[in-house]
Amino acid sequence: MQRMLIALALALLAQLSFTTGVFAAVNINTASKDELVALKKGLGPAKAQAIIDYRKANGPFKSVDDLKHVKGIGTKRLEKLRADLTVGSVGAKVAAAGSAKSDGTTSGAKGDIRQAGDPASRK
């Protein structure tokens, strides 16, 4: 029964996507391996992992064209994938990642450090 409900939900979601013509591009800076493999234009698990490995080693992609630097992705494959990919807002993502620290603190506007969840840190 649960499988049938999941299949029905997925079918309904697919139908809504096709009728409205709305497709969200996959952000190659944040996409998981499964999200990359799910692209309909043919990225297998090995290429998806190569993208993630390149991203971890070299930082966020600045443009979709940077995928050419990933081993196994050439001009033809890039052109097939281009419409389904985005790099999103790299600067905003980097800035957001830098605001939270691993020790549970956040930096304030003037460089003061406050504990996450501290009422004084809310503005």
N, C-alpha and C. Protein backbone atom coordinates (compact mmCIF):
# COMPACT_ATOMS: atom_id res chain seq x y z
N MET A 1 0.83 -1.19 0.00
CA MET A 1 0.00 0.00 0.00
C MET A 1 0.87 1.26 0.00
N GLN A 2 1.93 1.23 0.82
CA GLN A 2 2.81 2.39 0.90
C GLN A 2 3.50 2.63 -0.44
N ARG A 3 3.93 1.56 -1.09
CA ARG A 3 4.58 1.70 -2.40
C ARG A 3 3.62 2.31 -3.41
N MET A 4 2.36 1.89 -3.35
CA MET A 4 1.38 2.41 -4.29
C MET A 4 1.17 3.91 -4.07
N LEU A 5 1.12 4.33 -2.82
CA LEU A 5 0.95 5.75 -2.52
C LEU A 5 2.15 6.57 -2.99
N ILE A 6 3.34 6.02 -2.78
CA ILE A 6 4.56 6.73 -3.24
C ILE A 6 4.56 6.83 -4.75
N ALA A 7 4.22 5.74 -5.43
CA ALA A 7 4.18 5.76 -6.89
C ALA A 7 3.14 6.75 -7.40
N LEU A 8 2.00 6.80 -6.75
CA LEU A 8 0.95 7.74 -7.13
C LEU A 8 1.40 9.18 -6.92
N ALA A 9 2.05 9.44 -5.80
CA ALA A 9 2.54 10.79 -5.52
C ALA A 9 3.59 11.20 -6.55
N LEU A 10 4.50 10.30 -6.89
CA LEU A 10 5.52 10.62 -7.89
C LEU A 10 4.90 10.86 -9.27
N ALA A 11 3.92 10.05 -9.62
CA ALA A 11 3.24 10.22 -10.91
C ALA A 11 2.52 11.57 -10.97
N LEU A 12 1.87 11.92 -9.88
CA LEU A 12 1.17 13.20 -9.82
C LEU A 12 2.15 14.37 -9.91
N LEU A 13 3.26 14.26 -9.21
CA LEU A 13 4.27 15.30 -9.25
C LEU A 13 4.84 15.44 -10.66
N ALA A 14 5.11 14.32 -11.32
CA ALA A 14 5.64 14.36 -12.69
C ALA A 14 4.62 15.00 -13.63
N GLN A 15 3.35 14.66 -13.46
CA GLN A 15 2.30 15.24 -14.30
C GLN A 15 2.22 16.75 -14.10
N LEU A 16 2.29 17.21 -12.88
CA LEU A 16 2.26 18.64 -12.61
C LEU A 16 3.45 19.35 -13.23
N SER A 17 4.61 18.73 -13.17
CA SER A 17 5.81 19.33 -13.74
C SER A 17 5.68 19.48 -15.25
N PHE A 18 5.14 18.45 -15.90
CA PHE A 18 5.02 18.49 -17.35
C PHE A 18 3.94 19.46 -17.80
N THR A 19 2.83 19.54 -17.07
CA THR A 19 1.74 20.41 -17.50
C THR A 19 2.04 21.88 -17.24
N THR A 20 2.79 22.18 -16.20
CA THR A 20 3.09 23.57 -15.92
C THR A 20 4.34 24.04 -16.65
N GLY A 21 5.14 23.11 -17.12
CA GLY A 21 6.36 23.47 -17.84
C GLY A 21 7.45 24.02 -16.93
N VAL A 22 7.33 23.76 -15.63
CA VAL A 22 8.30 24.28 -14.68
C VAL A 22 9.28 23.17 -14.31
N PHE A 23 10.54 23.40 -14.57
CA PHE A 23 11.58 22.46 -14.19
C PHE A 23 12.66 23.24 -13.44
N ALA A 24 13.06 22.72 -12.34
CA ALA A 24 14.11 23.37 -11.56
C ALA A 24 15.46 22.84 -12.01
N ALA A 25 16.37 23.74 -12.27
CA ALA A 25 17.72 23.34 -12.62
C ALA A 25 18.42 22.80 -11.38
N VAL A 26 19.29 21.84 -11.59
CA VAL A 26 20.05 21.25 -10.49
C VAL A 26 21.30 22.09 -10.25
N ASN A 27 21.50 22.49 -9.01
CA ASN A 27 22.66 23.29 -8.65
C ASN A 27 23.86 22.35 -8.45
N ILE A 28 24.84 22.45 -9.33
CA ILE A 28 25.99 21.55 -9.25
C ILE A 28 26.88 21.84 -8.05
N ASN A 29 26.67 22.94 -7.38
CA ASN A 29 27.45 23.25 -6.18
C ASN A 29 26.86 22.64 -4.91
N THR A 30 25.61 22.21 -4.98
CA THR A 30 24.97 21.66 -3.79
C THR A 30 24.35 20.29 -4.02
N ALA A 31 24.27 19.85 -5.27
CA ALA A 31 23.58 18.61 -5.61
C ALA A 31 24.26 17.37 -5.03
N SER A 32 23.44 16.44 -4.60
CA SER A 32 23.95 15.15 -4.14
C SER A 32 24.20 14.25 -5.37
N LYS A 33 24.83 13.14 -5.12
CA LYS A 33 25.08 12.18 -6.20
C LYS A 33 23.75 11.72 -6.81
N ASP A 34 22.77 11.44 -5.98
CA ASP A 34 21.46 10.99 -6.47
C ASP A 34 20.78 12.06 -7.32
N GLU A 35 20.89 13.31 -6.92
CA GLU A 35 20.28 14.39 -7.71
C GLU A 35 20.95 14.51 -9.07
N LEU A 36 22.24 14.35 -9.12
CA LEU A 36 22.94 14.43 -10.40
C LEU A 36 22.61 13.24 -11.29
N VAL A 37 22.53 12.06 -10.72
CA VAL A 37 22.19 10.86 -11.49
C VAL A 37 20.76 10.96 -12.02
N ALA A 38 19.88 11.63 -11.29
CA ALA A 38 18.48 11.74 -11.68
C ALA A 38 18.26 12.61 -12.92
N LEU A 39 19.28 13.35 -13.33
CA LEU A 39 19.14 14.16 -14.55
C LEU A 39 18.83 13.23 -15.73
N LYS A 40 17.91 13.63 -16.54
CA LYS A 40 17.46 12.77 -17.63
C LYS A 40 18.44 12.70 -18.80
N LYS A 41 19.43 13.54 -18.82
CA LYS A 41 20.32 13.61 -19.97
C LYS A 41 21.56 12.73 -19.84
N GLY A 42 21.63 11.88 -18.86
CA GLY A 42 22.66 10.87 -18.84
C GLY A 42 23.92 11.10 -18.05
N LEU A 43 23.81 11.41 -16.79
CA LEU A 43 24.97 11.38 -15.90
C LEU A 43 24.83 10.12 -15.07
N GLY A 44 25.80 9.24 -15.19
CA GLY A 44 25.76 8.03 -14.38
C GLY A 44 26.39 8.27 -13.02
N PRO A 45 26.39 7.25 -12.18
CA PRO A 45 26.95 7.39 -10.83
C PRO A 45 28.43 7.78 -10.83
N ALA A 46 29.20 7.27 -11.77
CA ALA A 46 30.64 7.57 -11.80
C ALA A 46 30.89 9.05 -12.13
N LYS A 47 30.18 9.58 -13.10
CA LYS A 47 30.35 11.00 -13.47
C LYS A 47 29.81 11.90 -12.37
N ALA A 48 28.70 11.50 -11.76
CA ALA A 48 28.15 12.29 -10.64
C ALA A 48 29.16 12.35 -9.50
N GLN A 49 29.80 11.23 -9.21
CA GLN A 49 30.80 11.21 -8.15
C GLN A 49 32.02 12.04 -8.54
N ALA A 50 32.38 12.02 -9.83
CA ALA A 50 33.52 12.83 -10.29
C ALA A 50 33.23 14.32 -10.10
N ILE A 51 32.00 14.73 -10.33
CA ILE A 51 31.61 16.13 -10.13
C ILE A 51 31.74 16.50 -8.65
N ILE A 52 31.24 15.63 -7.79
CA ILE A 52 31.31 15.90 -6.34
C ILE A 52 32.75 15.92 -5.86
N ASP A 53 33.57 14.99 -6.35
CA ASP A 53 34.99 14.96 -5.96
C ASP A 53 35.72 16.22 -6.42
N TYR A 54 35.44 16.66 -7.65
CA TYR A 54 36.06 17.88 -8.17
C TYR A 54 35.65 19.08 -7.32
N ARG A 55 34.36 19.13 -6.98
CA ARG A 55 33.83 20.24 -6.18
C ARG A 55 34.48 20.28 -4.80
N LYS A 56 34.67 19.11 -4.20
CA LYS A 56 35.31 19.05 -2.87
C LYS A 56 36.78 19.48 -2.94
N ALA A 57 37.45 19.10 -4.01
CA ALA A 57 38.88 19.40 -4.15
C ALA A 57 39.14 20.84 -4.56
N ASN A 58 38.25 21.44 -5.36
CA ASN A 58 38.50 22.74 -5.96
C ASN A 58 37.56 23.85 -5.53
N GLY A 59 36.60 23.53 -4.69
CA GLY A 59 35.63 24.55 -4.28
C GLY A 59 34.48 24.64 -5.25
N PRO A 60 33.56 25.57 -5.00
CA PRO A 60 32.35 25.66 -5.82
C PRO A 60 32.65 26.04 -7.27
N PHE A 61 31.81 25.53 -8.15
CA PHE A 61 31.90 25.89 -9.57
C PHE A 61 31.44 27.33 -9.72
N LYS A 62 32.15 28.10 -10.51
CA LYS A 62 31.77 29.50 -10.76
C LYS A 62 30.77 29.60 -11.90
N SER A 63 30.83 28.64 -12.82
CA SER A 63 29.87 28.58 -13.93
C SER A 63 29.69 27.13 -14.33
N VAL A 64 28.61 26.87 -15.06
CA VAL A 64 28.35 25.52 -15.55
C VAL A 64 29.49 25.09 -16.47
N ASP A 65 30.11 26.03 -17.18
CA ASP A 65 31.22 25.71 -18.07
C ASP A 65 32.41 25.09 -17.34
N ASP A 66 32.54 25.33 -16.04
CA ASP A 66 33.63 24.75 -15.26
C ASP A 66 33.55 23.22 -15.21
N LEU A 67 32.41 22.66 -15.55
CA LEU A 67 32.29 21.20 -15.59
C LEU A 67 33.25 20.58 -16.60
N LYS A 68 33.70 21.37 -17.57
CA LYS A 68 34.66 20.85 -18.55
C LYS A 68 35.95 20.39 -17.89
N HIS A 69 36.23 20.89 -16.70
CA HIS A 69 37.45 20.52 -15.98
C HIS A 69 37.32 19.17 -15.28
N VAL A 70 36.11 18.64 -15.20
CA VAL A 70 35.87 17.34 -14.58
C VAL A 70 36.19 16.25 -15.60
N LYS A 71 37.02 15.30 -15.20
CA LYS A 71 37.41 14.23 -16.10
C LYS A 71 36.18 13.48 -16.61
N GLY A 72 36.11 13.33 -17.92
CA GLY A 72 35.01 12.60 -18.54
C GLY A 72 33.85 13.46 -18.98
N ILE A 73 33.91 14.75 -18.71
CA ILE A 73 32.84 15.64 -19.17
C ILE A 73 33.44 16.59 -20.20
N GLY A 74 33.04 16.37 -21.42
CA GLY A 74 33.53 17.18 -22.52
C GLY A 74 32.46 18.13 -23.01
N THR A 75 32.76 18.78 -24.11
CA THR A 75 31.86 19.80 -24.67
C THR A 75 30.50 19.23 -25.04
N LYS A 76 30.47 18.05 -25.67
CA LYS A 76 29.18 17.47 -26.10
C LYS A 76 28.30 17.14 -24.90
N ARG A 77 28.86 16.50 -23.91
CA ARG A 77 28.06 16.14 -22.73
C ARG A 77 27.61 17.40 -22.00
N LEU A 78 28.50 18.38 -21.91
CA LEU A 78 28.14 19.63 -21.24
C LEU A 78 26.97 20.30 -21.94
N GLU A 79 26.98 20.32 -23.25
CA GLU A 79 25.89 20.96 -24.00
C GLU A 79 24.56 20.23 -23.78
N LYS A 80 24.60 18.91 -23.64
CA LYS A 80 23.37 18.15 -23.36
C LYS A 80 22.81 18.50 -21.98
N LEU A 81 23.70 18.74 -21.04
CA LEU A 81 23.30 18.96 -19.65
C LEU A 81 23.02 20.42 -19.29
N ARG A 82 23.56 21.33 -20.06
CA ARG A 82 23.57 22.76 -19.70
C ARG A 82 22.21 23.30 -19.26
N ALA A 83 21.15 22.99 -19.96
CA ALA A 83 19.83 23.55 -19.65
C ALA A 83 19.31 23.08 -18.29
N ASP A 84 19.80 21.94 -17.82
CA ASP A 84 19.31 21.38 -16.56
C ASP A 84 20.19 21.72 -15.36
N LEU A 85 21.24 22.50 -15.57
CA LEU A 85 22.20 22.78 -14.50
C LEU A 85 22.31 24.27 -14.19
N THR A 86 22.69 24.54 -12.97
CA THR A 86 22.96 25.90 -12.54
C THR A 86 24.05 25.85 -11.47
N VAL A 87 24.66 26.99 -11.21
CA VAL A 87 25.61 27.07 -10.10
C VAL A 87 25.01 27.84 -8.94
N GLY A 88 23.81 28.35 -9.12
CA GLY A 88 23.14 29.09 -8.05
C GLY A 88 23.90 30.35 -7.71
N SER A 89 23.74 30.77 -6.50
CA SER A 89 24.39 31.97 -6.00
C SER A 89 25.60 31.55 -5.17
N VAL A 90 26.75 31.46 -5.80
CA VAL A 90 27.96 30.99 -5.13
C VAL A 90 28.35 31.90 -3.98
N GLY A 91 28.32 33.20 -4.17
CA GLY A 91 28.73 34.14 -3.13
C GLY A 91 27.86 34.04 -1.89
N ALA A 92 26.55 33.90 -2.08
CA ALA A 92 25.64 33.81 -0.94
C ALA A 92 25.87 32.52 -0.18
N LYS A 93 26.11 31.44 -0.89
CA LYS A 93 26.33 30.15 -0.24
C LYS A 93 27.61 30.18 0.57
N VAL A 94 28.66 30.75 0.02
CA VAL A 94 29.93 30.83 0.73
C VAL A 94 29.79 31.73 1.95
N ALA A 95 29.09 32.84 1.81
CA ALA A 95 28.89 33.75 2.94
C ALA A 95 28.09 33.08 4.05
N ALA A 96 27.04 32.34 3.68
CA ALA A 96 26.23 31.66 4.68
C ALA A 96 27.04 30.58 5.38
N ALA A 97 27.86 29.87 4.64
CA ALA A 97 28.67 28.81 5.24
C ALA A 97 29.69 29.40 6.21
N GLY A 98 30.17 30.58 5.95
CA GLY A 98 31.18 31.19 6.80
C GLY A 98 30.62 31.80 8.07
N SER A 99 29.30 32.00 8.16
CA SER A 99 28.73 32.67 9.33
C SER A 99 28.57 31.74 10.53
N ALA A 100 28.43 30.44 10.29
CA ALA A 100 28.30 29.49 11.40
C ALA A 100 29.63 28.78 11.60
N LYS A 101 30.00 28.65 12.85
CA LYS A 101 31.26 28.00 13.17
C LYS A 101 30.99 26.61 13.74
N SER A 102 31.95 25.73 13.63
CA SER A 102 31.77 24.35 14.05
C SER A 102 31.61 24.21 15.57
N ASP A 103 32.02 25.20 16.34
CA ASP A 103 31.90 25.09 17.80
C ASP A 103 30.56 25.59 18.32
N GLY A 104 29.60 25.87 17.40
CA GLY A 104 28.27 26.29 17.82
C GLY A 104 28.13 27.78 18.01
N THR A 105 29.14 28.56 17.64
CA THR A 105 29.06 30.00 17.78
C THR A 105 28.82 30.63 16.43
N THR A 106 28.36 31.85 16.47
CA THR A 106 28.21 32.64 15.25
C THR A 106 28.87 33.98 15.49
N SER A 107 29.34 34.59 14.42
CA SER A 107 29.95 35.90 14.59
C SER A 107 28.91 36.99 14.39
N GLY A 108 28.95 38.01 15.19
CA GLY A 108 28.01 39.10 15.10
C GLY A 108 28.43 40.10 14.04
N ALA A 109 27.66 41.17 13.93
CA ALA A 109 27.90 42.16 12.90
C ALA A 109 29.23 42.88 13.09
N LYS A 110 29.66 43.04 14.34
CA LYS A 110 30.90 43.76 14.60
C LYS A 110 32.03 42.84 15.03
N GLY A 111 31.90 41.54 14.72
CA GLY A 111 32.96 40.60 15.01
C GLY A 111 32.89 39.96 16.38
N ASP A 112 31.87 40.35 17.19
CA ASP A 112 31.77 39.69 18.49
C ASP A 112 31.21 38.29 18.30
N ILE A 113 31.58 37.40 19.18
CA ILE A 113 31.17 36.00 19.05
C ILE A 113 30.14 35.70 20.12
N ARG A 114 29.03 35.08 19.67
CA ARG A 114 27.96 34.73 20.58
C ARG A 114 27.62 33.26 20.39
N GLN A 115 27.11 32.63 21.43
CA GLN A 115 26.69 31.25 21.32
C GLN A 115 25.43 31.19 20.47
N ALA A 116 25.33 30.16 19.61
CA ALA A 116 24.13 29.96 18.83
C ALA A 116 22.97 29.71 19.79
N GLY A 117 21.84 30.32 19.57
CA GLY A 117 20.69 30.18 20.43
C GLY A 117 20.66 31.19 21.57
N ASP A 118 21.71 31.97 21.73
CA ASP A 118 21.79 32.99 22.78
C ASP A 118 20.80 34.09 22.43
N PRO A 119 19.89 34.48 23.34
CA PRO A 119 18.92 35.53 23.05
C PRO A 119 19.58 36.83 22.59
N ALA A 120 20.77 37.11 23.06
CA ALA A 120 21.46 38.34 22.67
C ALA A 120 21.88 38.31 21.20
N SER A 121 21.95 37.11 20.62
CA SER A 121 22.39 37.03 19.22
C SER A 121 21.26 37.25 18.25
N ARG A 122 20.02 37.27 18.74
CA ARG A 122 18.87 37.52 17.85
C ARG A 122 18.66 39.01 17.69
N LYS A 123 18.35 39.40 16.49
CA LYS A 123 18.10 40.82 16.24
C LYS A 123 16.81 41.00 15.52
